[in-house]
N, C-alpha and C. Protein backbone atom coordinates (compact mmCIF):
# COMPACT_ATOMS: atom_id res chain seq x y z
N UNK A 1 -6.91 2.34 29.74
CA UNK A 1 -6.91 3.08 28.51
C UNK A 1 -7.93 2.60 27.50
N UNK A 2 -8.30 3.35 26.60
CA UNK A 2 -9.24 2.96 25.55
C UNK A 2 -8.54 2.39 24.35
N UNK A 3 -9.12 1.49 23.67
CA UNK A 3 -8.55 0.92 22.40
C UNK A 3 -8.36 2.05 21.40
N UNK A 4 -9.26 3.02 21.24
CA UNK A 4 -9.10 4.06 20.32
C UNK A 4 -7.88 4.86 20.60
N UNK A 5 -7.61 5.11 21.85
CA UNK A 5 -6.36 5.89 22.21
C UNK A 5 -5.10 5.12 21.85
N UNK A 6 -5.13 3.78 22.08
CA UNK A 6 -4.04 2.94 21.71
C UNK A 6 -3.82 2.98 20.20
N UNK A 7 -4.91 2.84 19.48
CA UNK A 7 -4.78 2.90 17.97
C UNK A 7 -4.19 4.19 17.54
N UNK A 8 -4.65 5.31 18.18
CA UNK A 8 -4.14 6.67 17.76
C UNK A 8 -2.68 6.79 18.04
N UNK A 9 -2.25 6.26 19.17
CA UNK A 9 -0.80 6.35 19.56
C UNK A 9 0.02 5.48 18.63
N UNK A 10 -0.45 4.40 18.26
CA UNK A 10 0.27 3.49 17.31
C UNK A 10 0.40 4.22 15.98
N UNK A 11 -0.64 4.81 15.47
CA UNK A 11 -0.62 5.55 14.19
C UNK A 11 0.43 6.65 14.22
N UNK A 12 0.48 7.38 15.33
CA UNK A 12 1.44 8.48 15.47
C UNK A 12 2.88 7.89 15.38
N UNK A 13 3.10 6.78 16.11
CA UNK A 13 4.47 6.21 16.15
C UNK A 13 4.88 5.73 14.75
N UNK A 14 3.84 5.08 13.97
CA UNK A 14 4.14 4.65 12.67
C UNK A 14 4.44 5.83 11.74
N UNK A 15 3.67 6.90 11.88
CA UNK A 15 3.85 8.10 11.04
C UNK A 15 5.28 8.70 11.35
N UNK A 16 5.63 8.73 12.59
CA UNK A 16 6.93 9.23 12.94
C UNK A 16 8.05 8.43 12.33
N UNK A 17 7.91 7.10 12.38
CA UNK A 17 8.88 6.19 11.72
C UNK A 17 8.93 6.36 10.25
N UNK A 18 7.80 6.62 9.59
CA UNK A 18 7.79 6.89 8.16
C UNK A 18 8.33 8.19 7.77
N UNK A 19 8.23 9.18 8.69
CA UNK A 19 8.75 10.53 8.37
C UNK A 19 10.26 10.53 8.21
N UNK A 20 10.92 9.57 8.72
CA UNK A 20 12.38 9.50 8.62
C UNK A 20 12.86 8.92 7.27
N UNK A 21 11.96 8.45 6.47
CA UNK A 21 12.27 7.97 5.15
C UNK A 21 12.27 9.05 4.13
N UNK A 22 12.75 8.75 2.89
CA UNK A 22 12.72 9.76 1.86
C UNK A 22 11.30 10.23 1.58
N UNK A 23 11.10 11.52 1.28
CA UNK A 23 9.75 12.01 1.08
C UNK A 23 9.08 11.52 -0.19
N UNK A 24 9.89 11.09 -1.20
CA UNK A 24 9.32 10.56 -2.46
C UNK A 24 9.87 9.19 -2.70
N UNK A 25 8.97 8.27 -2.86
CA UNK A 25 9.34 6.89 -3.19
C UNK A 25 8.92 6.54 -4.56
N UNK A 26 9.83 5.93 -5.37
CA UNK A 26 9.56 5.69 -6.78
C UNK A 26 9.79 4.20 -7.05
N UNK A 27 8.97 3.74 -7.92
CA UNK A 27 9.10 2.35 -8.49
C UNK A 27 8.76 2.49 -9.94
N UNK A 28 9.81 2.71 -10.77
CA UNK A 28 9.58 2.98 -12.22
C UNK A 28 8.82 4.24 -12.37
N UNK A 29 7.69 4.20 -13.15
CA UNK A 29 6.86 5.35 -13.36
C UNK A 29 5.96 5.72 -12.25
N UNK A 30 5.86 4.84 -11.28
CA UNK A 30 4.96 5.05 -10.18
C UNK A 30 5.69 5.81 -9.08
N UNK A 31 5.11 6.94 -8.69
CA UNK A 31 5.75 7.79 -7.61
C UNK A 31 4.79 8.02 -6.49
N UNK A 32 5.28 7.91 -5.24
CA UNK A 32 4.44 8.16 -4.04
C UNK A 32 5.13 9.27 -3.25
N UNK A 33 4.45 10.36 -3.03
CA UNK A 33 4.96 11.45 -2.21
C UNK A 33 4.45 11.21 -0.82
N UNK A 34 5.29 10.96 0.09
CA UNK A 34 4.87 10.64 1.50
C UNK A 34 4.33 11.88 2.21
N UNK A 35 4.69 13.03 1.79
CA UNK A 35 4.22 14.29 2.40
C UNK A 35 2.86 14.53 2.07
N UNK A 36 2.46 14.44 0.77
CA UNK A 36 1.11 14.75 0.35
C UNK A 36 0.21 13.43 0.31
N UNK A 37 0.95 12.25 0.31
CA UNK A 37 0.28 10.94 0.22
C UNK A 37 -0.42 10.76 -1.08
N UNK A 38 0.12 11.36 -2.16
CA UNK A 38 -0.45 11.18 -3.47
C UNK A 38 0.44 10.30 -4.31
N UNK A 39 -0.30 9.48 -5.16
CA UNK A 39 0.43 8.65 -6.06
C UNK A 39 0.29 9.30 -7.46
N UNK A 40 1.40 9.11 -8.26
CA UNK A 40 1.31 9.57 -9.63
C UNK A 40 1.95 8.48 -10.51
N UNK A 41 1.38 8.26 -11.64
CA UNK A 41 1.83 7.26 -12.65
C UNK A 41 2.12 7.99 -13.95
N UNK A 42 3.35 7.97 -14.30
CA UNK A 42 3.83 8.70 -15.53
C UNK A 42 3.42 10.15 -15.52
N UNK A 43 3.57 10.78 -14.29
CA UNK A 43 3.26 12.18 -14.18
C UNK A 43 1.83 12.56 -13.91
N UNK A 44 0.91 11.55 -14.04
CA UNK A 44 -0.53 11.81 -13.86
C UNK A 44 -0.94 11.31 -12.45
N UNK A 45 -1.80 12.03 -11.77
CA UNK A 45 -2.26 11.62 -10.47
C UNK A 45 -3.14 10.40 -10.63
N UNK A 46 -2.86 9.45 -9.72
CA UNK A 46 -3.57 8.15 -9.87
C UNK A 46 -4.77 8.24 -8.80
N UNK A 47 -5.96 8.04 -9.38
CA UNK A 47 -7.14 8.11 -8.58
C UNK A 47 -7.38 6.72 -7.95
N UNK A 48 -7.36 6.70 -6.64
CA UNK A 48 -7.59 5.49 -5.80
C UNK A 48 -8.56 5.71 -4.72
N UNK A 49 -9.30 4.67 -4.39
CA UNK A 49 -10.16 4.70 -3.23
C UNK A 49 -9.31 4.58 -2.01
N UNK A 50 -9.80 4.85 -0.82
CA UNK A 50 -9.02 4.83 0.39
C UNK A 50 -8.37 3.43 0.59
N UNK A 51 -9.13 2.38 0.44
CA UNK A 51 -8.53 1.01 0.62
C UNK A 51 -7.53 0.65 -0.47
N UNK A 52 -7.81 1.05 -1.73
CA UNK A 52 -6.77 0.82 -2.76
C UNK A 52 -5.55 1.59 -2.42
N UNK A 53 -5.68 2.82 -1.94
CA UNK A 53 -4.55 3.59 -1.57
C UNK A 53 -3.77 2.92 -0.55
N UNK A 54 -4.40 2.40 0.51
CA UNK A 54 -3.71 1.68 1.59
C UNK A 54 -2.95 0.50 1.07
N UNK A 55 -3.51 -0.21 0.18
CA UNK A 55 -2.87 -1.45 -0.36
C UNK A 55 -1.63 -0.98 -1.14
N UNK A 56 -1.75 -0.02 -2.00
CA UNK A 56 -0.64 0.39 -2.85
C UNK A 56 0.44 1.12 -1.99
N UNK A 57 0.04 1.75 -0.96
CA UNK A 57 1.06 2.42 -0.10
C UNK A 57 1.88 1.32 0.56
N UNK A 58 1.31 0.27 1.08
CA UNK A 58 2.05 -0.74 1.74
C UNK A 58 2.96 -1.39 0.73
N UNK A 59 2.51 -1.73 -0.46
CA UNK A 59 3.33 -2.34 -1.50
C UNK A 59 4.47 -1.39 -1.88
N UNK A 60 4.15 -0.13 -1.98
CA UNK A 60 5.17 0.86 -2.41
C UNK A 60 6.25 1.08 -1.40
N UNK A 61 5.86 1.17 -0.14
CA UNK A 61 6.85 1.41 0.90
C UNK A 61 7.80 0.20 1.01
N UNK A 62 7.26 -0.99 0.64
CA UNK A 62 8.07 -2.26 0.70
C UNK A 62 8.34 -2.74 -0.67
N UNK A 63 8.49 -1.90 -1.64
CA UNK A 63 8.73 -2.28 -3.04
C UNK A 63 9.98 -3.23 -3.04
N UNK A 64 9.86 -4.32 -3.83
CA UNK A 64 10.89 -5.27 -3.95
C UNK A 64 10.96 -6.30 -2.89
N UNK A 65 10.02 -6.16 -1.89
CA UNK A 65 9.91 -7.16 -0.81
C UNK A 65 8.47 -7.64 -0.79
N UNK A 66 8.33 -8.90 -0.31
CA UNK A 66 7.07 -9.50 -0.28
C UNK A 66 6.22 -8.96 0.92
N UNK A 67 5.01 -8.66 0.65
CA UNK A 67 4.00 -8.17 1.59
C UNK A 67 2.87 -9.20 1.73
N UNK A 68 2.72 -9.67 2.94
CA UNK A 68 1.74 -10.76 3.18
C UNK A 68 0.31 -10.21 3.15
N UNK A 69 -0.64 -11.04 2.93
CA UNK A 69 -2.08 -10.66 3.02
C UNK A 69 -2.42 -10.16 4.34
N UNK A 70 -1.79 -10.72 5.43
CA UNK A 70 -2.10 -10.22 6.73
C UNK A 70 -1.62 -8.78 6.97
N UNK A 71 -0.47 -8.49 6.39
CA UNK A 71 0.06 -7.08 6.54
C UNK A 71 -0.85 -6.11 5.74
N UNK A 72 -1.30 -6.52 4.61
CA UNK A 72 -2.24 -5.71 3.82
C UNK A 72 -3.54 -5.50 4.53
N UNK A 73 -4.02 -6.61 5.10
CA UNK A 73 -5.30 -6.51 5.85
C UNK A 73 -5.18 -5.57 7.01
N UNK A 74 -4.04 -5.62 7.73
CA UNK A 74 -3.82 -4.83 8.90
C UNK A 74 -3.75 -3.32 8.46
N UNK A 75 -3.19 -3.10 7.23
CA UNK A 75 -3.18 -1.69 6.77
C UNK A 75 -4.49 -1.15 6.34
N UNK A 76 -5.36 -2.00 5.90
CA UNK A 76 -6.63 -1.55 5.37
C UNK A 76 -7.74 -1.42 6.43
N UNK A 77 -7.77 -2.43 7.32
CA UNK A 77 -8.86 -2.50 8.33
C UNK A 77 -8.37 -2.18 9.68
N UNK A 78 -9.23 -1.63 10.51
CA UNK A 78 -8.92 -1.32 11.86
C UNK A 78 -9.04 -2.65 12.73
N UNK A 79 -8.76 -2.59 13.97
CA UNK A 79 -8.72 -3.75 14.81
C UNK A 79 -10.09 -4.37 15.00
N UNK A 80 -11.16 -3.62 14.86
CA UNK A 80 -12.46 -4.14 15.14
C UNK A 80 -13.16 -4.71 13.96
N UNK A 81 -12.62 -4.46 12.78
CA UNK A 81 -13.25 -5.02 11.59
C UNK A 81 -12.82 -6.37 11.25
N UNK A 82 -13.77 -7.28 11.09
CA UNK A 82 -13.41 -8.65 10.72
C UNK A 82 -13.58 -8.80 9.20
N UNK A 83 -12.44 -8.78 8.52
CA UNK A 83 -12.48 -8.77 7.07
C UNK A 83 -12.25 -10.11 6.41
N UNK A 84 -12.85 -10.37 5.36
CA UNK A 84 -12.65 -11.60 4.58
C UNK A 84 -11.33 -11.44 3.84
N UNK A 85 -10.44 -12.50 3.98
CA UNK A 85 -9.16 -12.49 3.31
C UNK A 85 -9.26 -12.27 1.84
N UNK A 86 -10.38 -12.78 1.25
CA UNK A 86 -10.43 -12.62 -0.21
C UNK A 86 -10.67 -11.16 -0.67
N UNK A 87 -11.02 -10.35 0.32
CA UNK A 87 -11.24 -8.89 -0.01
C UNK A 87 -9.93 -8.29 -0.46
N UNK A 88 -8.83 -8.75 0.13
CA UNK A 88 -7.54 -8.20 -0.23
C UNK A 88 -7.26 -8.50 -1.71
N UNK A 89 -7.62 -9.66 -2.18
CA UNK A 89 -7.44 -10.03 -3.59
C UNK A 89 -8.21 -9.10 -4.51
N UNK A 90 -9.39 -8.64 -4.02
CA UNK A 90 -10.19 -7.73 -4.84
C UNK A 90 -9.52 -6.39 -4.97
N UNK A 91 -9.02 -5.91 -3.80
CA UNK A 91 -8.32 -4.60 -3.85
C UNK A 91 -7.03 -4.63 -4.68
N UNK A 92 -6.32 -5.74 -4.56
CA UNK A 92 -5.09 -5.87 -5.38
C UNK A 92 -5.44 -5.93 -6.86
N UNK A 93 -6.55 -6.62 -7.20
CA UNK A 93 -6.98 -6.72 -8.59
C UNK A 93 -7.31 -5.32 -9.11
N UNK A 94 -8.00 -4.52 -8.35
CA UNK A 94 -8.38 -3.15 -8.72
C UNK A 94 -7.15 -2.25 -8.94
N UNK A 95 -6.22 -2.36 -8.03
CA UNK A 95 -4.98 -1.57 -8.23
C UNK A 95 -4.17 -2.07 -9.43
N UNK A 96 -4.16 -3.33 -9.73
CA UNK A 96 -3.50 -3.84 -10.88
C UNK A 96 -4.05 -3.20 -12.14
N UNK A 97 -5.45 -3.12 -12.16
CA UNK A 97 -6.10 -2.54 -13.37
C UNK A 97 -5.74 -1.12 -13.56
N UNK A 98 -5.54 -0.38 -12.45
CA UNK A 98 -5.14 1.06 -12.53
C UNK A 98 -3.69 1.18 -12.96
N UNK A 99 -2.88 0.12 -12.78
CA UNK A 99 -1.48 0.18 -13.20
C UNK A 99 -1.29 -0.34 -14.56
N UNK A 100 -2.33 -0.83 -15.23
CA UNK A 100 -2.14 -1.40 -16.54
C UNK A 100 -1.56 -0.38 -17.54
N UNK A 101 -0.74 -0.89 -18.41
CA UNK A 101 -0.10 0.00 -19.42
C UNK A 101 1.23 0.58 -18.91
N UNK A 102 1.48 0.43 -17.68
CA UNK A 102 2.80 0.83 -17.08
C UNK A 102 3.70 -0.32 -16.96
N UNK A 103 4.93 -0.10 -16.54
CA UNK A 103 5.89 -1.15 -16.36
C UNK A 103 5.97 -1.63 -14.91
N UNK A 104 5.00 -1.12 -14.10
CA UNK A 104 4.96 -1.49 -12.71
C UNK A 104 3.93 -2.58 -12.56
N UNK A 105 4.33 -3.62 -11.88
CA UNK A 105 3.42 -4.78 -11.73
C UNK A 105 3.35 -5.22 -10.27
N UNK A 106 2.24 -5.84 -9.94
CA UNK A 106 2.07 -6.46 -8.62
C UNK A 106 2.05 -7.99 -8.86
N UNK A 107 3.08 -8.64 -8.41
CA UNK A 107 3.20 -10.08 -8.61
C UNK A 107 2.63 -10.81 -7.40
N UNK A 108 1.90 -11.93 -7.66
CA UNK A 108 1.40 -12.80 -6.59
C UNK A 108 2.36 -13.87 -6.36
N UNK A 109 2.74 -14.01 -5.11
CA UNK A 109 3.63 -15.05 -4.68
C UNK A 109 2.82 -16.05 -3.85
N UNK A 110 2.34 -17.12 -4.42
CA UNK A 110 1.47 -18.02 -3.80
C UNK A 110 1.89 -18.47 -2.37
N UNK A 111 1.00 -18.29 -1.46
CA UNK A 111 1.26 -18.66 -0.08
C UNK A 111 2.10 -17.63 0.72
N UNK A 112 2.66 -16.62 0.05
CA UNK A 112 3.53 -15.66 0.69
C UNK A 112 2.89 -14.22 0.71
N UNK A 113 2.32 -13.83 -0.38
CA UNK A 113 1.73 -12.45 -0.48
C UNK A 113 1.91 -11.90 -1.82
N UNK A 114 2.24 -10.56 -1.79
CA UNK A 114 2.37 -9.85 -3.09
C UNK A 114 3.67 -9.04 -3.08
N UNK A 115 4.12 -8.69 -4.29
CA UNK A 115 5.37 -8.05 -4.53
C UNK A 115 5.16 -6.97 -5.63
N UNK A 116 5.55 -5.72 -5.32
CA UNK A 116 5.50 -4.62 -6.30
C UNK A 116 6.88 -4.59 -6.92
N UNK A 117 6.88 -4.62 -8.25
CA UNK A 117 8.14 -4.60 -8.97
C UNK A 117 7.98 -3.80 -10.27
N UNK A 118 9.18 -3.37 -10.81
CA UNK A 118 9.23 -2.61 -12.00
C UNK A 118 9.94 -3.51 -13.08
N UNK A 119 9.27 -3.62 -14.24
CA UNK A 119 9.93 -4.39 -15.34
C UNK A 119 11.00 -3.53 -16.00
N UNK A 120 12.15 -4.13 -16.23
CA UNK A 120 13.15 -3.44 -17.00
C UNK A 120 13.07 -3.66 -18.48
């Protein structure tokens, strides 16, 4: 079999697993519609690049739980791309800037990864 076919099959399986979850995931003012794959913050659509979207999607789906840099890297890059781990920090920084002014934050847990949380 070809690697491309394996990747496609894995994506289908992951999509099927995600289809069983609630169609709308919320963390405070931040809402992710898994059907349309759109993010909104305080009712306004959040403009994200594809890689920023992938980072925020991983954090959102696992809100309240730690997400490692390796997990974020796997969500952003395909198997053939050799990415610099510091690139994840750049994407997280950009997403943080887009969340400024809201009560949703991305916390850095040194040596562990990142955590999406809502301030009360």
